[in-house]
PDB file of N, CA and C in Angstrom:
ATOM      1  N   UNK A   1     -42.881  -7.152  40.482  1.00  0.00           N
ATOM      2  CA  UNK A   1     -43.453  -7.976  41.686  1.00  0.00           C
ATOM      3  C   UNK A   1     -44.787  -7.488  42.298  1.00  0.00           C
ATOM      4  N   UNK A   2     -45.847  -7.817  42.539  1.00  0.00           N
ATOM      5  CA  UNK A   2     -46.664  -7.027  43.250  1.00  0.00           C
ATOM      6  C   UNK A   2     -47.487  -8.244  43.656  1.00  0.00           C
ATOM      7  N   UNK A   3     -47.552  -7.805  45.211  1.00  0.00           N
ATOM      8  CA  UNK A   3     -48.159  -9.077  45.936  1.00  0.00           C
ATOM      9  C   UNK A   3     -49.181  -8.528  46.842  1.00  0.00           C
ATOM     10  N   UNK A   4     -50.599  -9.312  47.302  1.00  0.00           N
ATOM     11  CA  UNK A   4     -51.383  -8.711  47.868  1.00  0.00           C
ATOM     12  C   UNK A   4     -51.915 -10.253  49.621  1.00  0.00           C
ATOM     13  N   UNK A   5     -52.260  -8.893  50.406  1.00  0.00           N
ATOM     14  CA  UNK A   5     -52.457 -10.270  51.114  1.00  0.00           C
ATOM     15  C   UNK A   5     -54.219 -10.025  51.802  1.00  0.00           C
ATOM     16  N   UNK A   6     -54.875 -10.831  51.737  1.00  0.00           N
ATOM     17  CA  UNK A   6     -56.277 -11.173  52.387  1.00  0.00           C
ATOM     18  C   UNK A   6     -56.594 -11.510  53.563  1.00  0.00           C
ATOM     19  N   UNK A   7     -57.128 -10.804  54.667  1.00  0.00           N
ATOM     20  CA  UNK A   7     -57.212 -11.206  56.005  1.00  0.00           C
ATOM     21  C   UNK A   7     -58.539 -10.916  56.209  1.00  0.00           C
ATOM     22  N   UNK A   8     -59.172 -12.620  56.283  1.00  0.00           N
ATOM     23  CA  UNK A   8     -60.491 -12.900  57.298  1.00  0.00           C
ATOM     24  C   UNK A   8     -60.384 -13.923  58.090  1.00  0.00           C
ATOM     25  N   UNK A   9     -61.292 -13.810  58.716  1.00  0.00           N
ATOM     26  CA  UNK A   9     -61.596 -14.320  59.795  1.00  0.00           C
ATOM     27  C   UNK A   9     -62.783 -14.758  59.932  1.00  0.00           C
ATOM     28  N   UNK A  10     -63.837 -16.082  60.792  1.00  0.00           N
ATOM     29  CA  UNK A  10     -64.869 -16.432  61.023  1.00  0.00           C
ATOM     30  C   UNK A  10     -66.133 -15.607  61.707  1.00  0.00           C
ATOM     31  N   UNK A  11     -65.368 -15.728  62.898  1.00  0.00           N
ATOM     32  CA  UNK A  11     -66.426 -15.135  64.450  1.00  0.00           C
ATOM     33  C   UNK A  11     -66.665 -13.186  64.196  1.00  0.00           C
ATOM     34  N   UNK A  12     -65.721 -13.039  63.692  1.00  0.00           N
ATOM     35  CA  UNK A  12     -65.960 -11.177  63.460  1.00  0.00           C
ATOM     36  C   UNK A  12     -64.861 -10.598  62.579  1.00  0.00           C
ATOM     37  N   UNK A  13     -65.434  -9.707  61.776  1.00  0.00           N
ATOM     38  CA  UNK A  13     -64.717  -8.834  60.755  1.00  0.00           C
ATOM     39  C   UNK A  13     -63.793  -7.722  61.958  1.00  0.00           C
ATOM     40  N   UNK A  14     -62.585  -8.013  60.897  1.00  0.00           N
ATOM     41  CA  UNK A  14     -61.420  -6.990  61.257  1.00  0.00           C
ATOM     42  C   UNK A  14     -61.650  -5.718  61.105  1.00  0.00           C
ATOM     43  N   UNK A  15     -61.394  -5.138  62.538  1.00  0.00           N
ATOM     44  CA  UNK A  15     -61.503  -3.912  62.318  1.00  0.00           C
ATOM     45  C   UNK A  15     -60.257  -2.783  61.894  1.00  0.00           C
ATOM     46  N   UNK A  16     -60.977  -1.437  61.515  1.00  0.00           N
ATOM     47  CA  UNK A  16     -59.323  -0.946  60.658  1.00  0.00           C
ATOM     48  C   UNK A  16     -58.858  -0.052  61.760  1.00  0.00           C
ATOM     49  N   UNK A  17     -58.938  -0.547  63.341  1.00  0.00           N
ATOM     50  CA  UNK A  17     -58.487  -0.153  64.468  1.00  0.00           C
ATOM     51  C   UNK A  17     -57.281  -1.488  64.380  1.00  0.00           C
ATOM     52  N   UNK A  18     -57.921  -2.343  64.611  1.00  0.00           N
ATOM     53  CA  UNK A  18     -56.845  -3.533  64.262  1.00  0.00           C
ATOM     54  C   UNK A  18     -55.873  -3.493  63.206  1.00  0.00           C
ATOM     55  N   UNK A  19     -56.595  -3.602  62.164  1.00  0.00           N
ATOM     56  CA  UNK A  19     -55.056  -3.287  60.894  1.00  0.00           C
ATOM     57  C   UNK A  19     -54.617  -2.292  60.899  1.00  0.00           C
ATOM     58  N   UNK A  20     -54.873  -1.050  61.451  1.00  0.00           N
ATOM     59  CA  UNK A  20     -54.061   0.052  61.690  1.00  0.00           C
ATOM     60  C   UNK A  20     -52.621  -0.687  62.966  1.00  0.00           C
ATOM     61  N   UNK A  21     -53.359  -1.188  63.801  1.00  0.00           N
ATOM     62  CA  UNK A  21     -51.761  -1.661  64.953  1.00  0.00           C
ATOM     63  C   UNK A  21     -51.103  -2.437  64.799  1.00  0.00           C
ATOM     64  N   UNK A  22     -51.821  -3.885  63.744  1.00  0.00           N
ATOM     65  CA  UNK A  22     -51.074  -4.520  62.746  1.00  0.00           C
ATOM     66  C   UNK A  22     -49.871  -4.131  61.531  1.00  0.00           C
ATOM     67  N   UNK A  23     -50.621  -3.108  61.553  1.00  0.00           N
ATOM     68  CA  UNK A  23     -49.661  -3.170  59.709  1.00  0.00           C
ATOM     69  C   UNK A  23     -48.584  -3.396  59.911  1.00  0.00           C
ATOM     70  N   UNK A  24     -47.804  -3.072  60.376  1.00  0.00           N
ATOM     71  CA  UNK A  24     -46.367  -3.300  60.380  1.00  0.00           C
ATOM     72  C   UNK A  24     -45.922  -4.502  60.334  1.00  0.00           C
ATOM     73  N   UNK A  25     -46.629  -5.721  61.026  1.00  0.00           N
ATOM     74  CA  UNK A  25     -46.600  -7.047  61.178  1.00  0.00           C
ATOM     75  C   UNK A  25     -46.409  -7.462  59.756  1.00  0.00           C
ATOM     76  N   UNK A  26     -47.991  -7.176  59.544  1.00  0.00           N
ATOM     77  CA  UNK A  26     -48.575  -7.601  57.852  1.00  0.00           C
ATOM     78  C   UNK A  26     -47.221  -7.217  56.637  1.00  0.00           C
ATOM     79  N   UNK A  27     -46.483  -5.867  56.685  1.00  0.00           N
ATOM     80  CA  UNK A  27     -45.935  -5.748  56.064  1.00  0.00           C
ATOM     81  C   UNK A  27     -44.706  -6.077  55.980  1.00  0.00           C
ATOM     82  N   UNK A  28     -44.255  -6.361  56.573  1.00  0.00           N
ATOM     83  CA  UNK A  28     -43.088  -7.085  57.127  1.00  0.00           C
ATOM     84  C   UNK A  28     -43.632  -8.802  56.488  1.00  0.00           C
ATOM     85  N   UNK A  29     -44.076  -9.552  57.377  1.00  0.00           N
ATOM     86  CA  UNK A  29     -44.510 -10.513  56.673  1.00  0.00           C
ATOM     87  C   UNK A  29     -45.062 -10.426  54.906  1.00  0.00           C
ATOM     88  N   UNK A  30     -45.802  -9.494  54.370  1.00  0.00           N
ATOM     89  CA  UNK A  30     -45.957  -9.829  53.154  1.00  0.00           C
ATOM     90  C   UNK A  30     -44.646  -9.514  52.406  1.00  0.00           C
ATOM     91  N   UNK A  31     -43.534  -8.188  52.683  1.00  0.00           N
ATOM     92  CA  UNK A  31     -42.407  -8.368  51.938  1.00  0.00           C
ATOM     93  C   UNK A  31     -41.497  -9.658  51.997  1.00  0.00           C
ATOM     94  N   UNK A  32     -41.265 -10.310  53.071  1.00  0.00           N
ATOM     95  CA  UNK A  32     -41.281 -11.955  53.215  1.00  0.00           C
ATOM     96  C   UNK A  32     -41.147 -12.366  52.299  1.00  0.00           C
ATOM     97  N   UNK A  33     -42.716 -12.925  52.012  1.00  0.00           N
ATOM     98  CA  UNK A  33     -43.468 -13.817  51.660  1.00  0.00           C
ATOM     99  C   UNK A  33     -43.278 -13.842  50.076  1.00  0.00           C
ATOM    100  N   UNK A  34     -43.280 -12.396  49.832  1.00  0.00           N
ATOM    101  CA  UNK A  34     -43.008 -12.232  48.157  1.00  0.00           C
ATOM    102  C   UNK A  34     -42.114 -12.404  47.740  1.00  0.00           C
ATOM    103  N   UNK A  35     -40.759 -12.278  48.418  1.00  0.00           N
ATOM    104  CA  UNK A  35     -39.263 -12.758  48.257  1.00  0.00           C
ATOM    105  C   UNK A  35     -38.985 -13.820  48.104  1.00  0.00           C
ATOM    106  N   UNK A  36     -40.007 -14.472  49.289  1.00  0.00           N
ATOM    107  CA  UNK A  36     -39.567 -16.076  48.858  1.00  0.00           C
ATOM    108  C   UNK A  36     -40.327 -17.004  47.497  1.00  0.00           C
ATOM    109  N   UNK A  37     -41.535 -16.088  47.694  1.00  0.00           N
ATOM    110  CA  UNK A  37     -42.128 -16.426  46.219  1.00  0.00           C
ATOM    111  C   UNK A  37     -40.805 -16.430  44.671  1.00  0.00           C
ATOM    112  N   UNK A  38     -40.741 -14.826  45.077  1.00  0.00           N
ATOM    113  CA  UNK A  38     -39.749 -14.508  43.997  1.00  0.00           C
ATOM    114  C   UNK A  38     -38.678 -15.332  43.601  1.00  0.00           C
ATOM    115  N   UNK A  39     -38.178 -16.060  44.882  1.00  0.00           N
ATOM    116  CA  UNK A  39     -36.778 -17.085  44.827  1.00  0.00           C
ATOM    117  C   UNK A  39     -37.299 -18.077  43.860  1.00  0.00           C
ATOM    118  N   UNK A  40     -38.162 -18.521  43.606  1.00  0.00           N
ATOM    119  CA  UNK A  40     -38.798 -19.916  43.394  1.00  0.00           C
ATOM    120  C   UNK A  40     -39.071 -19.517  41.862  1.00  0.00           C
ATOM    121  N   UNK A  41     -39.120 -18.310  41.517  1.00  0.00           N
ATOM    122  CA  UNK A  41     -39.499 -18.346  39.839  1.00  0.00           C
ATOM    123  C   UNK A  41     -38.533 -18.747  39.147  1.00  0.00           C
ATOM    124  N   UNK A  42     -38.237 -18.956  37.742  1.00  0.00           N
ATOM    125  CA  UNK A  42     -37.619 -19.636  36.801  1.00  0.00           C
ATOM    126  C   UNK A  42     -36.520 -17.604  36.453  1.00  0.00           C
ATOM    127  N   UNK A  43     -35.120 -17.823  36.749  1.00  0.00           N
ATOM    128  CA  UNK A  43     -34.877 -16.693  35.931  1.00  0.00           C
ATOM    129  C   UNK A  43     -35.466 -16.025  34.312  1.00  0.00           C
ATOM    130  N   UNK A  44     -35.954 -14.958  33.851  1.00  0.00           N
ATOM    131  CA  UNK A  44     -36.256 -14.539  33.250  1.00  0.00           C
ATOM    132  C   UNK A  44     -35.042 -14.806  32.339  1.00  0.00           C
ATOM    133  N   UNK A  45     -35.430 -15.270  31.067  1.00  0.00           N
ATOM    134  CA  UNK A  45     -34.356 -15.110  29.669  1.00  0.00           C
ATOM    135  C   UNK A  45     -34.332 -13.483  29.415  1.00  0.00           C
ATOM    136  N   UNK A  46     -33.342 -12.923  28.707  1.00  0.00           N
ATOM    137  CA  UNK A  46     -33.768 -11.701  28.183  1.00  0.00           C
ATOM    138  C   UNK A  46     -34.098 -11.660  26.536  1.00  0.00           C
ATOM    139  N   UNK A  47     -33.384 -13.002  25.696  1.00  0.00           N
ATOM    140  CA  UNK A  47     -34.028 -12.691  24.560  1.00  0.00           C
ATOM    141  C   UNK A  47     -34.692 -14.103  24.353  1.00  0.00           C
ATOM    142  N   UNK A  48     -35.998 -13.582  24.013  1.00  0.00           N
ATOM    143  CA  UNK A  48     -36.727 -15.258  23.935  1.00  0.00           C
ATOM    144  C   UNK A  48     -36.255 -16.073  22.908  1.00  0.00           C
ATOM    145  N   UNK A  49     -36.727 -17.276  23.230  1.00  0.00           N
ATOM    146  CA  UNK A  49     -36.076 -18.280  22.691  1.00  0.00           C
ATOM    147  C   UNK A  49     -36.835 -19.048  21.448  1.00  0.00           C
ATOM    148  N   UNK A  50     -35.734 -18.677  20.601  1.00  0.00           N
ATOM    149  CA  UNK A  50     -36.553 -19.144  18.900  1.00  0.00           C
ATOM    150  C   UNK A  50     -36.462 -20.345  18.690  1.00  0.00           C
ATOM    151  N   UNK A  51     -37.605 -20.688  17.775  1.00  0.00           N
ATOM    152  CA  UNK A  51     -38.049 -22.176  17.801  1.00  0.00           C
ATOM    153  C   UNK A  51     -37.235 -23.041  16.520  1.00  0.00           C
ATOM    154  N   UNK A  52     -36.714 -24.196  16.851  1.00  0.00           N
ATOM    155  CA  UNK A  52     -35.837 -24.994  15.684  1.00  0.00           C
ATOM    156  C   UNK A  52     -36.345 -25.184  14.812  1.00  0.00           C
ATOM    157  N   UNK A  53     -36.101 -24.942  13.748  1.00  0.00           N
ATOM    158  CA  UNK A  53     -36.951 -24.757  12.200  1.00  0.00           C
ATOM    159  C   UNK A  53     -35.872 -25.804  11.780  1.00  0.00           C
ATOM    160  N   UNK A  54     -36.292 -26.933  10.890  1.00  0.00           N
ATOM    161  CA  UNK A  54     -35.197 -28.066  10.324  1.00  0.00           C
ATOM    162  C   UNK A  54     -34.672 -26.998   8.979  1.00  0.00           C
ATOM    163  N   UNK A  55     -33.429 -27.997   8.740  1.00  0.00           N
ATOM    164  CA  UNK A  55     -32.894 -27.337   7.368  1.00  0.00           C
ATOM    165  C   UNK A  55     -33.861 -27.151   6.162  1.00  0.00           C
ATOM    166  N   UNK A  56     -34.636 -28.242   6.030  1.00  0.00           N
ATOM    167  CA  UNK A  56     -35.541 -28.205   5.303  1.00  0.00           C
ATOM    168  C   UNK A  56     -36.604 -26.952   5.375  1.00  0.00           C
ATOM    169  N   UNK A  57     -37.252 -27.133   6.479  1.00  0.00           N
ATOM    170  CA  UNK A  57     -37.800 -25.343   6.524  1.00  0.00           C
ATOM    171  C   UNK A  57     -37.354 -24.271   6.287  1.00  0.00           C
ATOM    172  N   UNK A  58     -36.451 -23.847   6.635  1.00  0.00           N
ATOM    173  CA  UNK A  58     -35.229 -23.040   6.471  1.00  0.00           C
ATOM    174  C   UNK A  58     -35.645 -22.180   4.941  1.00  0.00           C
ATOM    175  N   UNK A  59     -35.162 -23.701   3.877  1.00  0.00           N
ATOM    176  CA  UNK A  59     -35.461 -23.457   2.899  1.00  0.00           C
ATOM    177  C   UNK A  59     -36.260 -22.818   2.299  1.00  0.00           C
ATOM    178  N   UNK A  60     -37.533 -23.452   2.987  1.00  0.00           N
ATOM    179  CA  UNK A  60     -39.039 -23.534   2.224  1.00  0.00           C
ATOM    180  C   UNK A  60     -39.119 -21.916   2.857  1.00  0.00           C
ATOM    181  N   UNK A  61     -39.052 -21.548   3.770  1.00  0.00           N
ATOM    182  CA  UNK A  61     -38.924 -19.856   4.137  1.00  0.00           C
ATOM    183  C   UNK A  61     -38.387 -19.212   4.027  1.00  0.00           C
ATOM    184  N   UNK A  62     -36.769 -19.515   3.124  1.00  0.00           N
ATOM    185  CA  UNK A  62     -35.955 -18.326   1.738  1.00  0.00           C
ATOM    186  C   UNK A  62     -36.721 -18.269   1.100  1.00  0.00           C
ATOM    187  N   UNK A  63     -37.139 -19.467   0.699  1.00  0.00           N
ATOM    188  CA  UNK A  63     -37.622 -19.213  -0.936  1.00  0.00           C
ATOM    189  C   UNK A  63     -39.268 -18.507  -1.064  1.00  0.00           C
ATOM    190  N   UNK A  64     -39.879 -18.906   0.527  1.00  0.00           N
ATOM    191  CA  UNK A  64     -41.118 -17.847   0.639  1.00  0.00           C
ATOM    192  C   UNK A  64     -40.559 -16.126   0.406  1.00  0.00           C
ATOM    193  N   UNK A  65     -39.801 -16.206   1.661  1.00  0.00           N
ATOM    194  CA  UNK A  65     -39.539 -14.863   1.271  1.00  0.00           C
ATOM    195  C   UNK A  65     -39.307 -13.915   0.347  1.00  0.00           C
ATOM    196  N   UNK A  66     -38.762 -14.551  -0.527  1.00  0.00           N
ATOM    197  CA  UNK A  66     -38.406 -14.340  -1.441  1.00  0.00           C
ATOM    198  C   UNK A  66     -39.460 -13.816  -2.785  1.00  0.00           C
ATOM    199  N   UNK A  67     -40.698 -14.796  -2.436  1.00  0.00           N
ATOM    200  CA  UNK A  67     -41.841 -14.582  -2.837  1.00  0.00           C
ATOM    201  C   UNK A  67     -42.215 -15.516  -4.134  1.00  0.00           C
ATOM    202  N   UNK A  68     -41.527 -16.737  -3.716  1.00  0.00           N
ATOM    203  CA  UNK A  68     -41.956 -17.604  -4.264  1.00  0.00           C
ATOM    204  C   UNK A  68     -43.088 -18.533  -3.784  1.00  0.00           C
ATOM    205  N   UNK A  69     -44.083 -19.195  -4.816  1.00  0.00           N
ATOM    206  CA  UNK A  69     -45.048 -19.331  -4.567  1.00  0.00           C
ATOM    207  C   UNK A  69     -45.226 -21.187  -3.982  1.00  0.00           C
ATOM    208  N   UNK A  70     -45.749 -22.329  -3.546  1.00  0.00           N
ATOM    209  CA  UNK A  70     -45.631 -23.367  -2.950  1.00  0.00           C
ATOM    210  C   UNK A  70     -44.583 -24.374  -4.533  1.00  0.00           C
ATOM    211  N   UNK A  71     -45.902 -23.612  -5.658  1.00  0.00           N
ATOM    212  CA  UNK A  71     -45.615 -24.716  -6.756  1.00  0.00           C
ATOM    213  C   UNK A  71     -44.434 -24.507  -7.165  1.00  0.00           C
ATOM    214  N   UNK A  72     -43.517 -22.962  -7.031  1.00  0.00           N
ATOM    215  CA  UNK A  72     -42.457 -22.900  -7.659  1.00  0.00           C
ATOM    216  C   UNK A  72     -41.397 -23.410  -7.055  1.00  0.00           C
ATOM    217  N   UNK A  73     -41.803 -23.555  -5.300  1.00  0.00           N
ATOM    218  CA  UNK A  73     -40.753 -23.899  -4.441  1.00  0.00           C
ATOM    219  C   UNK A  73     -40.361 -25.427  -4.844  1.00  0.00           C
ATOM    220  N   UNK A  74     -41.539 -26.160  -5.241  1.00  0.00           N
ATOM    221  CA  UNK A  74     -41.519 -27.453  -4.991  1.00  0.00           C
ATOM    222  C   UNK A  74     -40.916 -28.185  -6.340  1.00  0.00           C
ATOM    223  N   UNK A  75     -40.651 -27.136  -7.424  1.00  0.00           N
ATOM    224  CA  UNK A  75     -40.114 -27.382  -8.739  1.00  0.00           C
ATOM    225  C   UNK A  75     -38.354 -27.109  -8.196  1.00  0.00           C
ATOM    226  N   UNK A  76     -38.098 -26.435  -7.339  1.00  0.00           N
ATOM    227  CA  UNK A  76     -36.915 -26.156  -7.163  1.00  0.00           C
ATOM    228  C   UNK A  76     -36.394 -26.881  -6.163  1.00  0.00           C
ATOM    229  N   UNK A  77     -36.921 -27.271  -5.264  1.00  0.00           N
ATOM    230  CA  UNK A  77     -36.439 -28.079  -4.228  1.00  0.00           C
ATOM    231  C   UNK A  77     -36.749 -30.171  -4.925  1.00  0.00           C
ATOM    232  N   UNK A  78     -37.370 -29.703  -5.879  1.00  0.00           N
ATOM    233  CA  UNK A  78     -37.654 -31.143  -6.542  1.00  0.00           C
ATOM    234  C   UNK A  78     -38.532 -32.022  -5.378  1.00  0.00           C
ATOM    235  N   UNK A  79     -39.772 -31.496  -4.914  1.00  0.00           N
ATOM    236  CA  UNK A  79     -40.592 -31.932  -3.924  1.00  0.00           C
ATOM    237  C   UNK A  79     -41.575 -32.134  -4.130  1.00  0.00           C
ATOM    238  N   UNK A  80     -42.695 -32.673  -3.777  1.00  0.00           N
ATOM    239  CA  UNK A  80     -44.238 -32.000  -4.222  1.00  0.00           C
ATOM    240  C   UNK A  80     -44.548 -31.064  -3.479  1.00  0.00           C
ATOM    241  N   UNK A  81     -45.642 -30.276  -4.161  1.00  0.00           N
ATOM    242  CA  UNK A  81     -46.491 -29.100  -3.618  1.00  0.00           C
ATOM    243  C   UNK A  81     -46.913 -29.360  -2.377  1.00  0.00           C
ATOM    244  N   UNK A  82     -47.047 -30.342  -2.073  1.00  0.00           N
ATOM    245  CA  UNK A  82     -47.999 -30.741  -1.331  1.00  0.00           C
ATOM    246  C   UNK A  82     -47.057 -31.242   0.108  1.00  0.00           C
ATOM    247  N   UNK A  83     -46.090 -31.015   0.172  1.00  0.00           N
ATOM    248  CA  UNK A  83     -45.028 -31.455   0.921  1.00  0.00           C
ATOM    249  C   UNK A  83     -44.001 -29.776   1.710  1.00  0.00           C
ATOM    250  N   UNK A  84     -44.623 -29.114   0.291  1.00  0.00           N
ATOM    251  CA  UNK A  84     -43.851 -27.560   0.469  1.00  0.00           C
ATOM    252  C   UNK A  84     -44.906 -27.201   1.475  1.00  0.00           C
ATOM    253  N   UNK A  85     -46.264 -27.676   1.005  1.00  0.00           N
ATOM    254  CA  UNK A  85     -46.931 -26.619   2.098  1.00  0.00           C
ATOM    255  C   UNK A  85     -46.991 -27.271   3.563  1.00  0.00           C
ATOM    256  N   UNK A  86     -46.500 -28.380   3.792  1.00  0.00           N
ATOM    257  CA  UNK A  86     -46.654 -29.431   4.686  1.00  0.00           C
ATOM    258  C   UNK A  86     -45.025 -28.623   5.948  1.00  0.00           C
ATOM    259  N   UNK A  87     -44.575 -28.025   5.325  1.00  0.00           N
ATOM    260  CA  UNK A  87     -43.436 -27.316   5.577  1.00  0.00           C
ATOM    261  C   UNK A  87     -44.287 -26.099   6.328  1.00  0.00           C
ATOM    262  N   UNK A  88     -44.225 -25.537   4.788  1.00  0.00           N
ATOM    263  CA  UNK A  88     -44.763 -24.109   5.768  1.00  0.00           C
ATOM    264  C   UNK A  88     -46.016 -24.289   6.757  1.00  0.00           C
ATOM    265  N   UNK A  89     -46.690 -25.165   7.127  1.00  0.00           N
ATOM    266  CA  UNK A  89     -47.537 -24.869   7.538  1.00  0.00           C
ATOM    267  C   UNK A  89     -46.775 -25.303   9.310  1.00  0.00           C
ATOM    268  N   UNK A  90     -45.897 -26.392   9.242  1.00  0.00           N
ATOM    269  CA  UNK A  90     -44.689 -26.466  10.456  1.00  0.00           C
ATOM    270  C   UNK A  90     -44.365 -25.265  10.725  1.00  0.00           C
ATOM    271  N   UNK A  91     -43.563 -23.990   9.833  1.00  0.00           N
ATOM    272  CA  UNK A  91     -42.997 -23.124  10.308  1.00  0.00           C
ATOM    273  C   UNK A  91     -44.139 -22.548  11.015  1.00  0.00           C
ATOM    274  N   UNK A  92     -45.143 -22.235  10.230  1.00  0.00           N
ATOM    275  CA  UNK A  92     -46.336 -21.123  10.784  1.00  0.00           C
ATOM    276  C   UNK A  92     -46.747 -21.745  12.132  1.00  0.00           C
ATOM    277  N   UNK A  93     -46.622 -22.778  12.692  1.00  0.00           N
ATOM    278  CA  UNK A  93     -47.318 -23.343  14.095  1.00  0.00           C
ATOM    279  C   UNK A  93     -46.326 -23.180  14.941  1.00  0.00           C
ATOM    280  N   UNK A  94     -44.658 -23.546  14.151  1.00  0.00           N
ATOM    281  CA  UNK A  94     -43.543 -23.187  14.762  1.00  0.00           C
ATOM    282  C   UNK A  94     -43.488 -21.626  15.754  1.00  0.00           C
ATOM    283  N   UNK A  95     -43.986 -20.247  14.762  1.00  0.00           N
ATOM    284  CA  UNK A  95     -43.691 -19.340  14.852  1.00  0.00           C
ATOM    285  C   UNK A  95     -44.794 -18.836  15.501  1.00  0.00           C
ATOM    286  N   UNK A  96     -45.870 -19.354  16.063  1.00  0.00           N
ATOM    287  CA  UNK A  96     -47.142 -19.063  16.066  1.00  0.00           C
ATOM    288  C   UNK A  96     -47.211 -17.832  15.466  1.00  0.00           C
ATOM    289  N   UNK A  97     -48.186 -17.812  14.115  1.00  0.00           N
ATOM    290  CA  UNK A  97     -48.349 -17.043  13.641  1.00  0.00           C
ATOM    291  C   UNK A  97     -49.741 -17.646  12.640  1.00  0.00           C
ATOM    292  N   UNK A  98     -50.261 -16.986  11.862  1.00  0.00           N
ATOM    293  CA  UNK A  98     -51.448 -17.256  11.452  1.00  0.00           C
ATOM    294  C   UNK A  98     -51.278 -17.351   9.896  1.00  0.00           C
ATOM    295  N   UNK A  99     -50.321 -17.047   9.226  1.00  0.00           N
ATOM    296  CA  UNK A  99     -49.904 -17.150   7.517  1.00  0.00           C
ATOM    297  C   UNK A  99     -48.253 -17.847   7.140  1.00  0.00           C
ATOM    298  N   UNK A 100     -48.676 -17.625   6.071  1.00  0.00           N
ATOM    299  CA  UNK A 100     -46.945 -17.382   5.563  1.00  0.00           C
ATOM    300  C   UNK A 100     -46.359 -16.120   5.265  1.00  0.00           C
ATOM    301  N   UNK A 101     -46.885 -15.206   5.150  1.00  0.00           N
ATOM    302  CA  UNK A 101     -46.122 -14.069   5.138  1.00  0.00           C
ATOM    303  C   UNK A 101     -46.689 -13.575   6.040  1.00  0.00           C
ATOM    304  N   UNK A 102     -46.924 -13.666   7.442  1.00  0.00           N
ATOM    305  CA  UNK A 102     -46.249 -13.575   8.936  1.00  0.00           C
ATOM    306  C   UNK A 102     -45.477 -14.440   9.426  1.00  0.00           C
ATOM    307  N   UNK A 103     -44.816 -15.330   8.948  1.00  0.00           N
ATOM    308  CA  UNK A 103     -44.230 -16.576   9.248  1.00  0.00           C
ATOM    309  C   UNK A 103     -42.433 -15.819   8.568  1.00  0.00           C
ATOM    310  N   UNK A 104     -43.376 -15.208   7.277  1.00  0.00           N
ATOM    311  CA  UNK A 104     -41.541 -14.735   7.190  1.00  0.00           C
ATOM    312  C   UNK A 104     -41.523 -13.443   7.968  1.00  0.00           C
ATOM    313  N   UNK A 105     -42.220 -12.421   8.110  1.00  0.00           N
ATOM    314  CA  UNK A 105     -42.093 -11.625   9.192  1.00  0.00           C
ATOM    315  C   UNK A 105     -41.407 -11.963  10.266  1.00  0.00           C
ATOM    316  N   UNK A 106     -42.078 -12.431  11.060  1.00  0.00           N
ATOM    317  CA  UNK A 106     -41.618 -12.923  12.267  1.00  0.00           C
ATOM    318  C   UNK A 106     -40.083 -13.401  12.045  1.00  0.00           C
ATOM    319  N   UNK A 107     -39.894 -14.655  11.286  1.00  0.00           N
ATOM    320  CA  UNK A 107     -38.669 -14.895  10.914  1.00  0.00           C
ATOM    321  C   UNK A 107     -37.445 -13.910  10.628  1.00  0.00           C
ATOM    322  N   UNK A 108     -37.870 -12.994   9.484  1.00  0.00           N
ATOM    323  CA  UNK A 108     -37.366 -11.592   9.632  1.00  0.00           C
ATOM    324  C   UNK A 108     -36.970 -10.648  10.877  1.00  0.00           C
ATOM    325  N   UNK A 109     -37.705 -10.657  11.804  1.00  0.00           N
ATOM    326  CA  UNK A 109     -37.822 -10.161  12.904  1.00  0.00           C
ATOM    327  C   UNK A 109     -36.779 -10.678  13.957  1.00  0.00           C
ATOM    328  N   UNK A 110     -37.074 -11.851  13.847  1.00  0.00           N
ATOM    329  CA  UNK A 110     -36.103 -12.685  14.778  1.00  0.00           C
ATOM    330  C   UNK A 110     -35.149 -13.207  14.563  1.00  0.00           C
ATOM    331  N   UNK A 111     -34.249 -12.525  13.291  1.00  0.00           N
ATOM    332  CA  UNK A 111     -33.050 -13.110  12.458  1.00  0.00           C
ATOM    333  C   UNK A 111     -32.981 -14.086  12.100  1.00  0.00           C
ATOM    334  N   UNK A 112     -33.691 -15.134  12.264  1.00  0.00           N
ATOM    335  CA  UNK A 112     -33.967 -16.529  11.441  1.00  0.00           C
ATOM    336  C   UNK A 112     -33.727 -16.586   9.919  1.00  0.00           C
ATOM    337  N   UNK A 113     -34.109 -15.415   9.400  1.00  0.00           N
ATOM    338  CA  UNK A 113     -33.470 -15.212   7.835  1.00  0.00           C
ATOM    339  C   UNK A 113     -32.886 -14.074   7.228  1.00  0.00           C
TER     340      UNK A 113
END
C-alpha cells in the first residue's frame, strides 16, 4: 500500500525549511493514518471467488468443451437450441468473457470443468 500526504494553506506557501522542520511529525502522522486505513480494508482472499454455475450451465459448458455445437447439445439434453444458447450466454456473463471458447478456457483454468 502507498499513501501520499498533501499540505496546503491559504495565507502563504509552505517553505522547504518548514517542511524539513516538520518532516518527522508528518512521517509519523502519515504512517499511522495509512495503518488505520489499511485496517478498514476487507481482507484479501487468496483465491478468486468462482462464479456459481447451475447444473444445466455446467452440462452445457462441458459439452461445449467437447466441441459440441448448440444444435448438438440441444439434441443431447432434449432442449431447444435457443435454451442452450441462453445457458451459454449466462456462462459467458458469469465468467466475464466474450465468447463460448473463452468461457471454456476460463472454466478449465479455474478448475470448474
